[in-house]
N, C-alpha and C. Protein backbone atom coordinates (compact mmCIF):
# COMPACT_ATOMS: atom_id res chain seq x y z
N MET A 1 -15.81 3.42 -7.97
CA MET A 1 -15.34 2.23 -8.46
C MET A 1 -14.36 1.48 -7.38
N LEU A 2 -13.44 2.25 -7.02
CA LEU A 2 -12.40 1.69 -6.09
C LEU A 2 -13.11 1.31 -4.67
N THR A 3 -13.98 2.06 -4.33
CA THR A 3 -14.78 1.75 -3.06
C THR A 3 -15.55 0.47 -3.20
N ALA A 4 -16.18 0.19 -4.27
CA ALA A 4 -16.83 -0.96 -4.58
C ALA A 4 -16.02 -2.27 -4.54
N ILE A 5 -14.77 -2.02 -5.13
CA ILE A 5 -13.89 -3.20 -5.13
C ILE A 5 -13.37 -3.47 -3.75
N ILE A 6 -13.07 -2.48 -3.03
CA ILE A 6 -12.57 -2.67 -1.67
C ILE A 6 -13.67 -3.28 -0.76
N VAL A 7 -14.98 -2.94 -0.92
CA VAL A 7 -16.13 -3.69 -0.31
C VAL A 7 -16.28 -5.13 -0.71
N LEU A 8 -16.03 -5.41 -1.90
CA LEU A 8 -15.95 -6.92 -2.44
C LEU A 8 -14.79 -7.67 -1.74
N ILE A 9 -13.63 -6.91 -1.71
CA ILE A 9 -12.52 -7.61 -1.09
C ILE A 9 -12.83 -8.04 0.38
N CYS A 10 -13.50 -7.10 1.14
CA CYS A 10 -13.75 -7.33 2.60
C CYS A 10 -14.83 -8.40 2.62
N ILE A 11 -15.72 -8.46 1.76
CA ILE A 11 -16.84 -9.55 1.86
C ILE A 11 -16.20 -10.77 1.62
N CYS A 12 -15.32 -11.01 0.56
CA CYS A 12 -14.70 -12.14 0.15
C CYS A 12 -13.76 -12.60 1.31
N THR A 13 -13.18 -11.75 1.98
CA THR A 13 -12.21 -11.99 3.14
C THR A 13 -13.06 -12.76 4.14
N ILE A 14 -14.16 -12.09 4.58
CA ILE A 14 -14.89 -12.62 5.53
C ILE A 14 -15.45 -14.09 5.27
N LEU A 15 -15.91 -14.17 4.01
CA LEU A 15 -16.43 -15.46 3.64
C LEU A 15 -15.34 -16.60 3.63
N LEU A 16 -14.17 -16.10 3.25
CA LEU A 16 -12.98 -17.08 3.22
C LEU A 16 -12.63 -17.53 4.55
N VAL A 17 -12.72 -16.52 5.52
CA VAL A 17 -12.45 -16.87 6.87
C VAL A 17 -13.38 -17.96 7.42
N LEU A 18 -14.74 -17.78 7.05
CA LEU A 18 -15.79 -18.57 7.42
C LEU A 18 -15.53 -19.92 6.79
N ALA A 19 -15.28 -20.01 5.55
CA ALA A 19 -15.09 -21.27 4.88
C ALA A 19 -13.91 -22.09 5.43
N VAL A 20 -12.89 -21.43 5.84
CA VAL A 20 -11.70 -22.11 6.51
C VAL A 20 -12.14 -22.59 7.83
N LEU A 21 -12.82 -21.84 8.61
CA LEU A 21 -13.19 -22.18 9.91
C LEU A 21 -14.23 -23.39 10.03
N ILE A 22 -15.05 -23.58 8.95
CA ILE A 22 -16.00 -24.61 8.78
C ILE A 22 -15.21 -25.93 8.60
N GLN A 23 -14.25 -25.93 7.78
CA GLN A 23 -13.58 -27.06 7.38
C GLN A 23 -12.94 -27.68 8.79
N ASN A 24 -12.84 -29.10 8.74
CA ASN A 24 -12.16 -29.81 9.86
C ASN A 24 -11.03 -30.38 9.34
N SER A 25 -9.85 -30.14 10.02
CA SER A 25 -8.56 -30.72 9.43
C SER A 25 -8.55 -32.22 9.38
N LYS A 26 -9.46 -32.98 10.06
CA LYS A 26 -9.43 -34.45 10.12
C LYS A 26 -10.38 -34.98 9.06
N GLY A 27 -11.06 -34.10 8.31
CA GLY A 27 -11.92 -34.72 7.22
C GLY A 27 -13.37 -34.69 7.50
N GLY A 28 -13.82 -34.47 8.81
CA GLY A 28 -15.26 -34.40 9.16
C GLY A 28 -15.91 -33.19 8.65
N GLY A 29 -15.45 -32.05 8.94
CA GLY A 29 -15.97 -30.83 8.43
C GLY A 29 -17.42 -30.53 8.68
N LEU A 30 -18.05 -29.95 7.82
CA LEU A 30 -19.41 -29.54 7.86
C LEU A 30 -20.39 -30.69 8.08
N ALA A 31 -20.08 -31.74 7.35
CA ALA A 31 -21.05 -32.98 7.45
C ALA A 31 -21.13 -33.55 8.90
N GLY A 32 -19.99 -33.42 9.55
CA GLY A 32 -20.06 -34.07 11.01
C GLY A 32 -20.68 -33.04 11.89
N GLU A 33 -20.97 -31.97 11.67
CA GLU A 33 -21.63 -30.90 12.48
C GLU A 33 -23.20 -31.27 12.45
N PHE A 34 -23.70 -31.87 11.33
CA PHE A 34 -25.13 -31.93 11.15
C PHE A 34 -25.73 -33.35 11.76
N GLY A 35 -24.88 -34.13 12.43
CA GLY A 35 -25.31 -35.25 13.06
C GLY A 35 -25.17 -36.52 12.38
N GLY A 36 -24.13 -36.65 11.67
CA GLY A 36 -23.66 -38.00 11.18
C GLY A 36 -24.62 -38.43 9.96
N LEU A 37 -25.40 -39.55 10.34
CA LEU A 37 -25.98 -40.30 9.30
C LEU A 37 -27.03 -39.52 8.42
N GLY A 38 -27.83 -38.71 9.20
CA GLY A 38 -28.87 -37.97 8.38
C GLY A 38 -28.15 -37.06 7.32
N SER A 39 -27.00 -36.44 7.69
CA SER A 39 -26.39 -35.51 6.78
C SER A 39 -25.73 -36.33 5.62
N ASN A 40 -25.42 -37.66 5.73
CA ASN A 40 -24.84 -38.34 4.62
C ASN A 40 -25.87 -38.68 3.59
N GLN A 41 -27.18 -38.58 3.99
CA GLN A 41 -28.16 -38.74 2.94
C GLN A 41 -28.38 -37.45 2.15
N LEU A 42 -28.33 -36.40 2.95
CA LEU A 42 -28.45 -35.12 2.26
C LEU A 42 -27.36 -34.64 1.43
N MET A 43 -26.13 -34.72 1.97
CA MET A 43 -24.75 -34.40 1.28
C MET A 43 -23.75 -35.22 1.80
N GLY A 44 -23.00 -35.92 1.11
CA GLY A 44 -21.94 -36.77 1.64
C GLY A 44 -20.84 -36.12 2.11
N VAL A 45 -19.97 -36.80 2.98
CA VAL A 45 -18.73 -36.21 3.55
C VAL A 45 -17.82 -35.72 2.35
N LYS A 46 -17.76 -36.66 1.27
CA LYS A 46 -16.82 -36.39 0.25
C LYS A 46 -17.20 -35.21 -0.50
N LYS A 47 -18.59 -34.98 -0.82
CA LYS A 47 -19.08 -33.85 -1.62
C LYS A 47 -18.91 -32.51 -0.81
N THR A 48 -19.16 -32.66 0.56
CA THR A 48 -19.06 -31.49 1.43
C THR A 48 -17.48 -30.92 1.29
N THR A 49 -16.65 -31.96 1.41
CA THR A 49 -15.05 -31.52 1.43
C THR A 49 -14.79 -30.89 0.03
N ASP A 50 -15.32 -31.49 -1.00
CA ASP A 50 -15.07 -30.88 -2.32
C ASP A 50 -15.61 -29.59 -2.57
N LEU A 51 -16.88 -29.39 -2.00
CA LEU A 51 -17.49 -28.02 -2.13
C LEU A 51 -16.74 -27.02 -1.37
N LEU A 52 -16.37 -27.30 -0.07
CA LEU A 52 -15.66 -26.37 0.75
C LEU A 52 -14.35 -26.01 0.12
N GLU A 53 -13.69 -27.08 -0.40
CA GLU A 53 -12.35 -26.76 -1.05
C GLU A 53 -12.40 -25.92 -2.26
N GLN A 54 -13.52 -26.15 -3.10
CA GLN A 54 -13.73 -25.33 -4.27
C GLN A 54 -14.12 -23.85 -3.78
N VAL A 55 -14.87 -23.71 -2.76
CA VAL A 55 -15.32 -22.34 -2.24
C VAL A 55 -14.02 -21.67 -1.85
N THR A 56 -13.24 -22.42 -1.05
CA THR A 56 -12.00 -21.82 -0.53
C THR A 56 -11.00 -21.21 -1.55
N TRP A 57 -10.81 -22.16 -2.53
CA TRP A 57 -10.01 -21.75 -3.71
C TRP A 57 -10.59 -20.59 -4.55
N GLY A 58 -11.88 -20.70 -4.74
CA GLY A 58 -12.58 -19.65 -5.38
C GLY A 58 -12.52 -18.18 -4.73
N LEU A 59 -12.64 -18.19 -3.60
CA LEU A 59 -12.55 -16.96 -2.79
C LEU A 59 -11.20 -16.43 -2.76
N ALA A 60 -10.18 -17.39 -2.60
CA ALA A 60 -8.74 -16.96 -2.57
C ALA A 60 -8.40 -16.33 -3.84
N ILE A 61 -8.85 -16.90 -4.99
CA ILE A 61 -8.52 -16.38 -6.23
C ILE A 61 -9.32 -15.00 -6.58
N ALA A 62 -10.50 -14.98 -6.05
CA ALA A 62 -11.31 -13.71 -6.10
C ALA A 62 -10.67 -12.52 -5.44
N ILE A 63 -10.20 -12.81 -4.25
CA ILE A 63 -9.41 -11.84 -3.51
C ILE A 63 -8.15 -11.27 -4.23
N MET A 64 -7.39 -12.33 -4.74
CA MET A 64 -6.26 -11.99 -5.51
C MET A 64 -6.53 -11.04 -6.69
N VAL A 65 -7.57 -11.45 -7.54
CA VAL A 65 -8.02 -10.76 -8.71
C VAL A 65 -8.48 -9.36 -8.30
N LEU A 66 -9.24 -9.25 -7.27
CA LEU A 66 -9.80 -8.02 -6.84
C LEU A 66 -8.60 -7.08 -6.34
N THR A 67 -7.74 -7.72 -5.64
CA THR A 67 -6.67 -6.82 -5.18
C THR A 67 -5.77 -6.24 -6.40
N LEU A 68 -5.53 -7.08 -7.17
CA LEU A 68 -4.77 -6.74 -8.45
C LEU A 68 -5.54 -5.58 -9.34
N SER A 69 -6.73 -5.67 -9.25
CA SER A 69 -7.70 -4.73 -10.05
C SER A 69 -7.63 -3.44 -9.30
N THR A 70 -7.46 -3.26 -8.07
CA THR A 70 -7.39 -1.96 -7.42
C THR A 70 -6.25 -1.32 -7.99
N TYR A 71 -5.12 -1.85 -8.35
CA TYR A 71 -3.98 -1.10 -8.86
C TYR A 71 -4.35 -0.57 -10.15
N ILE A 72 -5.23 -1.16 -11.00
CA ILE A 72 -5.66 -0.59 -12.30
C ILE A 72 -6.54 0.54 -12.10
N VAL A 73 -7.39 0.42 -11.20
CA VAL A 73 -8.48 1.44 -11.02
C VAL A 73 -8.01 2.63 -10.29
N ILE A 74 -6.81 2.56 -9.43
CA ILE A 74 -6.37 3.73 -8.57
C ILE A 74 -6.04 4.78 -9.56
N ASP A 75 -6.43 6.09 -9.36
CA ASP A 75 -6.13 7.27 -10.13
C ASP A 75 -4.65 7.65 -9.86
N ARG A 76 -3.78 7.60 -10.68
CA ARG A 76 -2.44 8.08 -10.44
C ARG A 76 -2.16 9.38 -11.29
N ASN A 77 -1.52 10.28 -10.67
CA ASN A 77 -1.15 11.49 -11.49
C ASN A 77 -0.02 11.26 -12.34
N PRO A 78 0.04 11.68 -13.56
CA PRO A 78 1.04 11.59 -14.46
C PRO A 78 2.36 12.18 -13.93
N VAL A 79 3.48 11.75 -14.49
CA VAL A 79 4.72 12.40 -14.02
C VAL A 79 4.75 13.81 -14.49
N GLY A 80 5.29 14.74 -13.59
CA GLY A 80 5.26 16.12 -13.80
C GLY A 80 3.97 16.87 -13.83
N ALA A 81 2.92 16.22 -13.13
CA ALA A 81 1.61 16.98 -13.03
C ALA A 81 1.78 17.89 -11.98
N THR A 82 1.09 18.97 -12.22
CA THR A 82 1.14 20.13 -11.15
C THR A 82 0.20 19.61 -10.00
N ILE A 83 0.57 20.30 -8.77
CA ILE A 83 -0.15 20.05 -7.59
C ILE A 83 -1.26 21.05 -7.41
N ASN A 84 -2.51 20.61 -7.36
CA ASN A 84 -3.71 21.54 -7.13
C ASN A 84 -4.00 21.72 -5.63
N SER A 85 -3.54 22.77 -5.19
CA SER A 85 -3.81 22.99 -3.71
C SER A 85 -4.03 24.41 -3.36
N ALA A 86 -4.82 24.81 -2.45
CA ALA A 86 -5.13 26.17 -2.24
C ALA A 86 -3.94 26.90 -1.66
N ASN A 87 -3.20 26.06 -0.89
CA ASN A 87 -1.95 26.53 -0.10
C ASN A 87 -0.89 26.87 -1.13
N VAL A 88 -0.68 25.97 -2.13
CA VAL A 88 0.37 26.12 -3.17
C VAL A 88 -0.04 27.38 -4.14
N ASP A 89 -1.29 27.55 -4.36
CA ASP A 89 -1.56 28.69 -5.12
C ASP A 89 -1.46 29.97 -4.30
N ALA A 90 -1.85 29.94 -3.19
CA ALA A 90 -1.64 31.19 -2.19
C ALA A 90 -0.18 31.58 -2.06
N ALA A 91 0.67 30.51 -2.02
CA ALA A 91 2.11 30.83 -1.74
C ALA A 91 2.76 31.31 -3.05
N ALA A 92 2.23 30.83 -4.15
CA ALA A 92 2.75 31.42 -5.48
C ALA A 92 2.37 32.84 -5.64
N THR A 93 1.28 33.38 -5.24
CA THR A 93 0.87 34.62 -5.50
C THR A 93 1.39 35.73 -4.53
N LYS A 94 1.81 35.32 -3.43
CA LYS A 94 2.31 36.11 -2.31
C LYS A 94 3.79 36.38 -2.62
N SER A 95 4.29 37.63 -2.32
CA SER A 95 5.64 37.74 -2.45
C SER A 95 6.24 37.95 -1.05
N THR A 96 7.50 37.44 -0.98
CA THR A 96 8.16 37.28 0.26
C THR A 96 8.63 38.68 0.67
N PRO A 97 8.58 39.05 1.95
CA PRO A 97 9.04 40.42 2.43
C PRO A 97 10.57 40.63 2.02
N GLY A 98 10.87 41.71 1.57
CA GLY A 98 12.23 42.02 1.17
C GLY A 98 12.82 41.24 -0.15
N ALA A 99 11.91 40.80 -0.95
CA ALA A 99 12.36 39.99 -2.10
C ALA A 99 13.13 40.91 -3.13
N GLY A 100 12.74 42.28 -3.22
CA GLY A 100 13.44 42.96 -4.22
C GLY A 100 14.73 43.54 -3.73
N LEU A 101 14.98 43.51 -2.39
CA LEU A 101 16.20 44.10 -1.85
C LEU A 101 17.40 43.11 -2.04
N GLN A 102 18.70 43.77 -2.27
CA GLN A 102 19.75 42.91 -2.39
C GLN A 102 20.59 43.09 -1.19
N ALA A 103 21.32 42.08 -0.86
CA ALA A 103 22.17 42.13 0.47
C ALA A 103 23.42 42.93 0.04
N PRO A 104 24.00 43.59 1.06
CA PRO A 104 25.07 44.36 0.74
C PRO A 104 26.37 43.38 0.47
N ALA A 105 27.20 43.77 -0.41
CA ALA A 105 28.29 43.06 -0.65
C ALA A 105 29.31 42.93 0.47
N GLN A 106 29.67 41.80 0.81
CA GLN A 106 30.65 41.74 1.92
C GLN A 106 32.09 41.52 1.37
N GLN A 107 33.03 42.26 1.95
CA GLN A 107 34.26 42.08 1.59
C GLN A 107 35.04 40.98 2.46
N GLN A 108 35.76 40.13 1.84
CA GLN A 108 36.38 39.08 2.42
C GLN A 108 37.73 39.66 3.09
N PRO A 109 38.20 39.35 4.20
CA PRO A 109 39.39 39.87 4.66
C PRO A 109 40.58 39.17 3.88
N ALA A 110 41.58 40.05 3.69
CA ALA A 110 42.73 39.54 3.13
C ALA A 110 43.48 38.55 3.93
N ALA A 111 43.97 37.57 3.26
CA ALA A 111 44.65 36.48 3.86
C ALA A 111 46.02 36.96 4.51
N PRO A 112 46.37 36.70 5.61
CA PRO A 112 47.73 37.08 6.22
C PRO A 112 48.80 36.42 5.35
N ALA A 113 49.81 37.22 5.23
CA ALA A 113 50.96 36.73 4.50
C ALA A 113 51.80 35.69 5.40
N THR A 114 52.24 34.68 4.99
CA THR A 114 52.92 33.70 5.72
C THR A 114 54.34 33.82 5.60
N ALA A 115 55.05 33.82 6.57
CA ALA A 115 56.59 34.09 6.54
C ALA A 115 57.12 32.61 6.45
N PRO A 116 58.27 32.52 5.74
CA PRO A 116 58.95 31.27 5.65
C PRO A 116 59.35 30.59 6.97
N GLN A 117 59.32 29.32 7.13
CA GLN A 117 59.72 28.73 8.39
C GLN A 117 61.18 28.92 8.47
N SER A 118 61.58 29.25 9.74
CA SER A 118 63.10 29.30 9.87
C SER A 118 63.76 27.86 9.86
N GLY A 119 65.07 27.98 9.27
CA GLY A 119 65.76 26.90 9.18
C GLY A 119 65.62 26.11 7.91
N THR A 120 64.65 26.33 7.15
CA THR A 120 64.47 25.74 5.94
C THR A 120 64.28 26.81 4.75
N ALA A 121 64.84 26.54 3.78
CA ALA A 121 64.74 27.51 2.66
C ALA A 121 64.17 26.76 1.46
N PRO A 122 63.26 27.39 0.77
CA PRO A 122 62.82 26.70 -0.34
C PRO A 122 63.86 26.39 -1.49
N LYS A 123 63.77 25.42 -2.15
CA LYS A 123 64.83 24.94 -3.24
C LYS A 123 64.39 25.24 -4.54
């Protein structure tokens, strides 16, 4: 399902780029490319501009909706879920070398006694 949505997003993106590139910023647009007067009889300049604007807005909204729908479709693990991995399972079954042995207790050296500093006596 996620792959299908991503493919649709790619198709809509390509179509949106083409729709924007077809438009002319001065208002001529697609109608001016067909040779002027003959194209006005087929479809007028005003209708071409309206159609391309509607297609552009429609594709932009479709991309936004499809992008937001990927968040819903993505499979997320619930909080506290266990990790299923062959390496994690193998590590859990193996024991570490020397795990049953205890380290010998170390004695801390006694702190040297400090002599009072000369010239000053504690009060």
